[in-house]
PDB file of N, CA and C in Angstrom:
ATOM      1  N   MET A   1       0.683  -1.364   0.090  1.00  0.00           N
ATOM      2  CA  MET A   1       0.282   0.371  -0.167  1.00  0.00           C
ATOM      3  C   MET A   1       0.993   1.262   0.170  1.00  0.00           C
ATOM      4  N   PRO A   2       1.466   1.813  -1.050  1.00  0.00           N
ATOM      5  CA  PRO A   2       2.019   3.000  -1.090  1.00  0.00           C
ATOM      6  C   PRO A   2       1.202   4.504  -0.544  1.00  0.00           C
ATOM      7  N   LEU A   3       1.857   4.735   0.142  1.00  0.00           N
ATOM      8  CA  LEU A   3       1.288   5.900   0.993  1.00  0.00           C
ATOM      9  C   LEU A   3       2.446   7.300   0.818  1.00  0.00           C
ATOM     10  N   LYS A   4       2.292   8.499  -0.684  1.00  0.00           N
ATOM     11  CA  LYS A   4       3.153   8.998  -0.708  1.00  0.00           C
ATOM     12  C   LYS A   4       2.948  10.743   0.398  1.00  0.00           C
ATOM     13  N   VAL A   5       3.832  10.560   0.846  1.00  0.00           N
ATOM     14  CA  VAL A   5       4.183  11.878   1.922  1.00  0.00           C
ATOM     15  C   VAL A   5       5.134  13.274   1.151  1.00  0.00           C
ATOM     16  N   LEU A   6       6.016  12.978   0.277  1.00  0.00           N
ATOM     17  CA  LEU A   6       6.414  13.883  -0.481  1.00  0.00           C
ATOM     18  C   LEU A   6       5.838  14.429  -1.335  1.00  0.00           C
ATOM     19  N   ASP A   7       6.543  15.521  -2.247  1.00  0.00           N
ATOM     20  CA  ASP A   7       6.069  15.760  -3.212  1.00  0.00           C
ATOM     21  C   ASP A   7       6.797  15.345  -4.595  1.00  0.00           C
ATOM     22  N   ASP A   8       7.088  15.843  -5.748  1.00  0.00           N
ATOM     23  CA  ASP A   8       7.858  15.128  -7.158  1.00  0.00           C
ATOM     24  C   ASP A   8       8.850  15.515  -6.585  1.00  0.00           C
ATOM     25  N   THR A   9      10.161  16.795  -5.753  1.00  0.00           N
ATOM     26  CA  THR A   9      11.309  16.878  -5.674  1.00  0.00           C
ATOM     27  C   THR A   9      11.153  16.251  -4.372  1.00  0.00           C
ATOM     28  N   GLY A  10      11.117  15.332  -3.690  1.00  0.00           N
ATOM     29  CA  GLY A  10      11.223  14.985  -2.905  1.00  0.00           C
ATOM     30  C   GLY A  10      10.918  16.049  -0.980  1.00  0.00           C
ATOM     31  N   ASN A  11      10.394  17.277  -1.197  1.00  0.00           N
ATOM     32  CA  ASN A  11      10.289  17.702   0.042  1.00  0.00           C
ATOM     33  C   ASN A  11       8.380  17.240   0.317  1.00  0.00           C
ATOM     34  N   GLY A  12       8.936  17.990   1.957  1.00  0.00           N
ATOM     35  CA  GLY A  12       7.317  17.586   2.298  1.00  0.00           C
ATOM     36  C   GLY A  12       7.536  18.316   3.941  1.00  0.00           C
ATOM     37  N   GLU A  13       6.601  18.067   4.375  1.00  0.00           N
ATOM     38  CA  GLU A  13       6.178  18.343   5.686  1.00  0.00           C
ATOM     39  C   GLU A  13       6.056  16.573   6.341  1.00  0.00           C
ATOM     40  N   TRP A  14       6.623  17.172   7.752  1.00  0.00           N
ATOM     41  CA  TRP A  14       6.764  16.109   8.578  1.00  0.00           C
ATOM     42  C   TRP A  14       5.201  14.961   9.229  1.00  0.00           C
ATOM     43  N   SER A  15       4.422  17.068   9.044  1.00  0.00           N
ATOM     44  CA  SER A  15       3.408  16.302   9.702  1.00  0.00           C
ATOM     45  C   SER A  15       2.648  15.044   8.717  1.00  0.00           C
ATOM     46  N   ASN A  16       2.920  15.349   7.401  1.00  0.00           N
ATOM     47  CA  ASN A  16       2.444  14.478   6.332  1.00  0.00           C
ATOM     48  C   ASN A  16       3.491  13.350   6.606  1.00  0.00           C
ATOM     49  N   LEU A  17       4.425  12.893   6.970  1.00  0.00           N
ATOM     50  CA  LEU A  17       5.434  11.679   7.428  1.00  0.00           C
ATOM     51  C   LEU A  17       4.064  11.033   8.407  1.00  0.00           C
ATOM     52  N   ILE A  18       3.766  11.725   9.808  1.00  0.00           N
ATOM     53  CA  ILE A  18       3.564  11.510  10.741  1.00  0.00           C
ATOM     54  C   ILE A  18       1.480  10.697  10.813  1.00  0.00           C
ATOM     55  N   CYS A  19       0.893  11.795   9.491  1.00  0.00           N
ATOM     56  CA  CYS A  19       0.156  11.373   9.396  1.00  0.00           C
ATOM     57  C   CYS A  19      -0.464   9.263   8.908  1.00  0.00           C
ATOM     58  N   ALA A  20       0.238   9.350   7.646  1.00  0.00           N
ATOM     59  CA  ALA A  20       0.829   8.217   6.980  1.00  0.00           C
ATOM     60  C   ALA A  20       1.192   7.380   8.091  1.00  0.00           C
ATOM     61  N   VAL A  21       1.915   8.017   9.295  1.00  0.00           N
ATOM     62  CA  VAL A  21       2.581   6.458  10.625  1.00  0.00           C
ATOM     63  C   VAL A  21       1.238   6.163  11.235  1.00  0.00           C
ATOM     64  N   ASP A  22       0.116   7.364  11.624  1.00  0.00           N
ATOM     65  CA  ASP A  22      -0.629   7.545  12.267  1.00  0.00           C
ATOM     66  C   ASP A  22      -1.892   6.497  11.516  1.00  0.00           C
ATOM     67  N   TYR A  23      -1.720   6.417  10.072  1.00  0.00           N
ATOM     68  CA  TYR A  23      -2.865   5.968   9.299  1.00  0.00           C
ATOM     69  C   TYR A  23      -2.391   4.361   9.261  1.00  0.00           C
ATOM     70  N   LEU A  24      -1.289   3.921   9.570  1.00  0.00           N
ATOM     71  CA  LEU A  24      -0.721   2.540   9.158  1.00  0.00           C
ATOM     72  C   LEU A  24      -1.183   1.596  10.248  1.00  0.00           C
ATOM     73  N   THR A  25      -0.833   2.758  11.671  1.00  0.00           N
ATOM     74  CA  THR A  25      -1.059   2.493  13.007  1.00  0.00           C
ATOM     75  C   THR A  25      -2.135   1.875  12.963  1.00  0.00           C
ATOM     76  N   GLY A  26      -3.433   2.736  12.543  1.00  0.00           N
ATOM     77  CA  GLY A  26      -4.662   2.371  12.671  1.00  0.00           C
ATOM     78  C   GLY A  26      -5.272   1.424  11.954  1.00  0.00           C
ATOM     79  N   LEU A  27      -4.488   1.197  10.749  1.00  0.00           N
ATOM     80  CA  LEU A  27      -4.502  -0.412   9.949  1.00  0.00           C
ATOM     81  C   LEU A  27      -4.407  -1.443  10.677  1.00  0.00           C
ATOM     82  N   ALA A  28      -3.676  -1.396  12.010  1.00  0.00           N
ATOM     83  CA  ALA A  28      -2.807  -2.090  12.176  1.00  0.00           C
ATOM     84  C   ALA A  28      -3.952  -2.928  13.759  1.00  0.00           C
ATOM     85  N   THR A  29      -4.451  -1.486  14.139  1.00  0.00           N
ATOM     86  CA  THR A  29      -5.136  -1.978  15.619  1.00  0.00           C
ATOM     87  C   THR A  29      -6.584  -1.375  16.016  1.00  0.00           C
ATOM     88  N   ASP A  30      -7.197  -1.641  14.344  1.00  0.00           N
ATOM     89  CA  ASP A  30      -8.354  -1.432  14.152  1.00  0.00           C
ATOM     90  C   ASP A  30      -9.494  -2.711  14.070  1.00  0.00           C
ATOM     91  N   GLY A  31      -8.879  -3.844  14.452  1.00  0.00           N
ATOM     92  CA  GLY A  31      -9.853  -4.945  14.383  1.00  0.00           C
ATOM     93  C   GLY A  31     -10.113  -5.760  13.426  1.00  0.00           C
ATOM     94  N   ASP A  32      -9.636  -5.466  12.324  1.00  0.00           N
ATOM     95  CA  ASP A  32      -9.860  -5.657  11.049  1.00  0.00           C
ATOM     96  C   ASP A  32      -8.928  -6.668  10.438  1.00  0.00           C
ATOM     97  N   PRO A  33      -8.364  -7.961  10.382  1.00  0.00           N
ATOM     98  CA  PRO A  33      -6.948  -8.371  10.221  1.00  0.00           C
ATOM     99  C   PRO A  33      -6.243  -8.521   8.190  1.00  0.00           C
ATOM    100  N   THR A  34      -8.267  -8.086   7.621  1.00  0.00           N
ATOM    101  CA  THR A  34      -7.621  -7.453   6.460  1.00  0.00           C
ATOM    102  C   THR A  34      -7.014  -7.290   5.830  1.00  0.00           C
ATOM    103  N   ASN A  35      -6.757  -5.691   6.310  1.00  0.00           N
ATOM    104  CA  ASN A  35      -6.310  -4.762   6.142  1.00  0.00           C
ATOM    105  C   ASN A  35      -4.927  -4.484   6.626  1.00  0.00           C
ATOM    106  N   ASP A  36      -4.626  -5.169   7.474  1.00  0.00           N
ATOM    107  CA  ASP A  36      -3.675  -4.396   8.146  1.00  0.00           C
ATOM    108  C   ASP A  36      -2.057  -4.870   7.131  1.00  0.00           C
ATOM    109  N   VAL A  37      -1.146  -4.139   7.464  1.00  0.00           N
ATOM    110  CA  VAL A  37       0.208  -4.381   7.196  1.00  0.00           C
ATOM    111  C   VAL A  37       0.692  -4.323   7.713  1.00  0.00           C
ATOM    112  N   LYS A  38       1.999  -5.266   7.458  1.00  0.00           N
ATOM    113  CA  LYS A  38       2.912  -5.649   8.453  1.00  0.00           C
ATOM    114  C   LYS A  38       4.242  -5.199   8.109  1.00  0.00           C
ATOM    115  N   VAL A  39       4.940  -4.428   7.281  1.00  0.00           N
ATOM    116  CA  VAL A  39       6.542  -3.838   6.933  1.00  0.00           C
ATOM    117  C   VAL A  39       5.689  -2.528   6.451  1.00  0.00           C
ATOM    118  N   ALA A  40       6.470  -1.429   6.744  1.00  0.00           N
ATOM    119  CA  ALA A  40       6.403   0.066   6.751  1.00  0.00           C
ATOM    120  C   ALA A  40       7.979   0.525   5.767  1.00  0.00           C
ATOM    121  N   ASN A  41       8.205   0.655   5.161  1.00  0.00           N
ATOM    122  CA  ASN A  41       9.249   0.746   4.284  1.00  0.00           C
ATOM    123  C   ASN A  41       9.651   2.121   4.096  1.00  0.00           C
ATOM    124  N   MET A  42      10.217   2.686   5.138  1.00  0.00           N
ATOM    125  CA  MET A  42      10.306   4.832   4.577  1.00  0.00           C
ATOM    126  C   MET A  42      11.639   4.500   3.913  1.00  0.00           C
ATOM    127  N   SER A  43      11.636   5.134   2.796  1.00  0.00           N
ATOM    128  CA  SER A  43      13.067   5.484   1.944  1.00  0.00           C
ATOM    129  C   SER A  43      13.089   7.364   1.814  1.00  0.00           C
ATOM    130  N   LEU A  44      13.168   8.132   2.837  1.00  0.00           N
ATOM    131  CA  LEU A  44      12.989   9.166   2.772  1.00  0.00           C
ATOM    132  C   LEU A  44      14.167  10.151   2.546  1.00  0.00           C
ATOM    133  N   GLY A  45      15.551   9.520   2.470  1.00  0.00           N
ATOM    134  CA  GLY A  45      16.099  10.245   2.216  1.00  0.00           C
ATOM    135  C   GLY A  45      17.487  10.663   3.177  1.00  0.00           C
ATOM    136  N   THR A  46      16.462  10.780   4.206  1.00  0.00           N
ATOM    137  CA  THR A  46      16.790  11.517   5.979  1.00  0.00           C
ATOM    138  C   THR A  46      16.910  11.069   6.458  1.00  0.00           C
ATOM    139  N   THR A  47      17.385  11.482   8.180  1.00  0.00           N
ATOM    140  CA  THR A  47      17.192  11.015   9.217  1.00  0.00           C
ATOM    141  C   THR A  47      16.343  10.945   9.778  1.00  0.00           C
ATOM    142  N   VAL A  48      15.116   9.955  10.484  1.00  0.00           N
ATOM    143  CA  VAL A  48      13.819  10.353  10.820  1.00  0.00           C
ATOM    144  C   VAL A  48      14.103  10.017  12.182  1.00  0.00           C
ATOM    145  N   GLY A  49      13.879  10.522  13.222  1.00  0.00           N
ATOM    146  CA  GLY A  49      13.922  10.464  14.547  1.00  0.00           C
ATOM    147  C   GLY A  49      14.734  12.411  15.279  1.00  0.00           C
ATOM    148  N   THR A  50      14.885  13.648  13.901  1.00  0.00           N
ATOM    149  CA  THR A  50      14.779  14.219  14.205  1.00  0.00           C
ATOM    150  C   THR A  50      13.861  15.224  15.395  1.00  0.00           C
ATOM    151  N   ASP A  51      12.493  14.905  14.896  1.00  0.00           N
ATOM    152  CA  ASP A  51      11.512  15.320  15.986  1.00  0.00           C
ATOM    153  C   ASP A  51      10.810  14.369  17.160  1.00  0.00           C
ATOM    154  N   SER A  52      10.507  15.091  18.020  1.00  0.00           N
ATOM    155  CA  SER A  52      10.253  14.105  18.974  1.00  0.00           C
ATOM    156  C   SER A  52       8.185  13.381  18.629  1.00  0.00           C
ATOM    157  N   SER A  53       7.598  14.214  17.544  1.00  0.00           N
ATOM    158  CA  SER A  53       6.521  13.331  17.740  1.00  0.00           C
ATOM    159  C   SER A  53       6.449  12.497  16.009  1.00  0.00           C
ATOM    160  N   ILE A  54       7.963  12.939  15.484  1.00  0.00           N
ATOM    161  CA  ILE A  54       7.906  11.381  15.039  1.00  0.00           C
ATOM    162  C   ILE A  54       8.395  10.161  15.488  1.00  0.00           C
ATOM    163  N   ASP A  55       9.033   9.957  16.131  1.00  0.00           N
ATOM    164  CA  ASP A  55       9.460   9.397  17.546  1.00  0.00           C
ATOM    165  C   ASP A  55       8.071   8.281  17.483  1.00  0.00           C
ATOM    166  N   ALA A  56       8.206   9.357  18.550  1.00  0.00           N
ATOM    167  CA  ALA A  56       6.234   9.067  18.891  1.00  0.00           C
ATOM    168  C   ALA A  56       5.573   8.248  17.593  1.00  0.00           C
ATOM    169  N   ALA A  57       5.645   8.555  16.650  1.00  0.00           N
ATOM    170  CA  ALA A  57       4.303   7.995  16.045  1.00  0.00           C
ATOM    171  C   ALA A  57       4.914   6.802  15.213  1.00  0.00           C
ATOM    172  N   VAL A  58       6.532   6.973  15.207  1.00  0.00           N
ATOM    173  CA  VAL A  58       6.468   5.496  14.067  1.00  0.00           C
ATOM    174  C   VAL A  58       6.859   4.363  15.659  1.00  0.00           C
ATOM    175  N   THR A  59       7.085   4.787  16.929  1.00  0.00           N
ATOM    176  CA  THR A  59       7.250   4.095  18.223  1.00  0.00           C
ATOM    177  C   THR A  59       5.897   3.298  18.274  1.00  0.00           C
ATOM    178  N   GLY A  60       5.019   4.162  18.198  1.00  0.00           N
ATOM    179  CA  GLY A  60       3.569   3.610  18.395  1.00  0.00           C
ATOM    180  C   GLY A  60       3.252   2.921  16.799  1.00  0.00           C
ATOM    181  N   MET A  61       3.390   2.857  16.034  1.00  0.00           N
ATOM    182  CA  MET A  61       3.315   1.600  14.461  1.00  0.00           C
ATOM    183  C   MET A  61       4.661   0.459  15.104  1.00  0.00           C
ATOM    184  N   VAL A  62       5.140   0.912  15.391  1.00  0.00           N
ATOM    185  CA  VAL A  62       5.752  -0.790  15.576  1.00  0.00           C
ATOM    186  C   VAL A  62       5.747  -1.801  17.181  1.00  0.00           C
ATOM    187  N   ASN A  63       4.863  -0.818  18.067  1.00  0.00           N
ATOM    188  CA  ASN A  63       4.333  -1.082  19.154  1.00  0.00           C
ATOM    189  C   ASN A  63       2.842  -1.930  18.465  1.00  0.00           C
ATOM    190  N   SER A  64       2.646  -1.541  17.570  1.00  0.00           N
ATOM    191  CA  SER A  64       1.333  -2.068  16.831  1.00  0.00           C
ATOM    192  C   SER A  64       1.486  -3.349  15.898  1.00  0.00           C
ATOM    193  N   GLY A  65       2.502  -3.310  15.433  1.00  0.00           N
ATOM    194  CA  GLY A  65       3.484  -4.434  15.075  1.00  0.00           C
ATOM    195  C   GLY A  65       3.017  -4.077  13.807  1.00  0.00           C
ATOM    196  N   VAL A  66       3.794  -3.266  13.055  1.00  0.00           N
ATOM    197  CA  VAL A  66       3.867  -2.363  12.143  1.00  0.00           C
ATOM    198  C   VAL A  66       5.776  -2.648  12.189  1.00  0.00           C
ATOM    199  N   THR A  67       6.358  -3.625  11.583  1.00  0.00           N
ATOM    200  CA  THR A  67       7.996  -3.816  11.642  1.00  0.00           C
ATOM    201  C   THR A  67       8.324  -2.556   9.981  1.00  0.00           C
ATOM    202  N   MET A  68       8.912  -1.880  10.997  1.00  0.00           N
ATOM    203  CA  MET A  68       9.955  -0.797  10.049  1.00  0.00           C
ATOM    204  C   MET A  68      10.702  -1.240   9.334  1.00  0.00           C
ATOM    205  N   SER A  69      10.981  -1.132   8.072  1.00  0.00           N
ATOM    206  CA  SER A  69      12.333  -1.505   7.155  1.00  0.00           C
ATOM    207  C   SER A  69      12.488   0.671   6.850  1.00  0.00           C
ATOM    208  N   ARG A  70      13.777   1.072   6.765  1.00  0.00           N
ATOM    209  CA  ARG A  70      14.355   1.788   5.874  1.00  0.00           C
ATOM    210  C   ARG A  70      15.359   2.049   4.927  1.00  0.00           C
TER     211      ARG A  70
END
């Protein structure tokens, strides 16, 4: 399931990334196993973890059972 958070030049807002991560977490925790995402591949070209809200979103996603690949 591709979720695009950056524009065509590779730029974007951290809030878009957080929304996408929260969306995947929601799918993993909504009680419907048919829409679960098992792995999230984040090819962002930068270091994730420069903002505590991003850290919290990614931690929540991983704790919900989604494996993060980068």
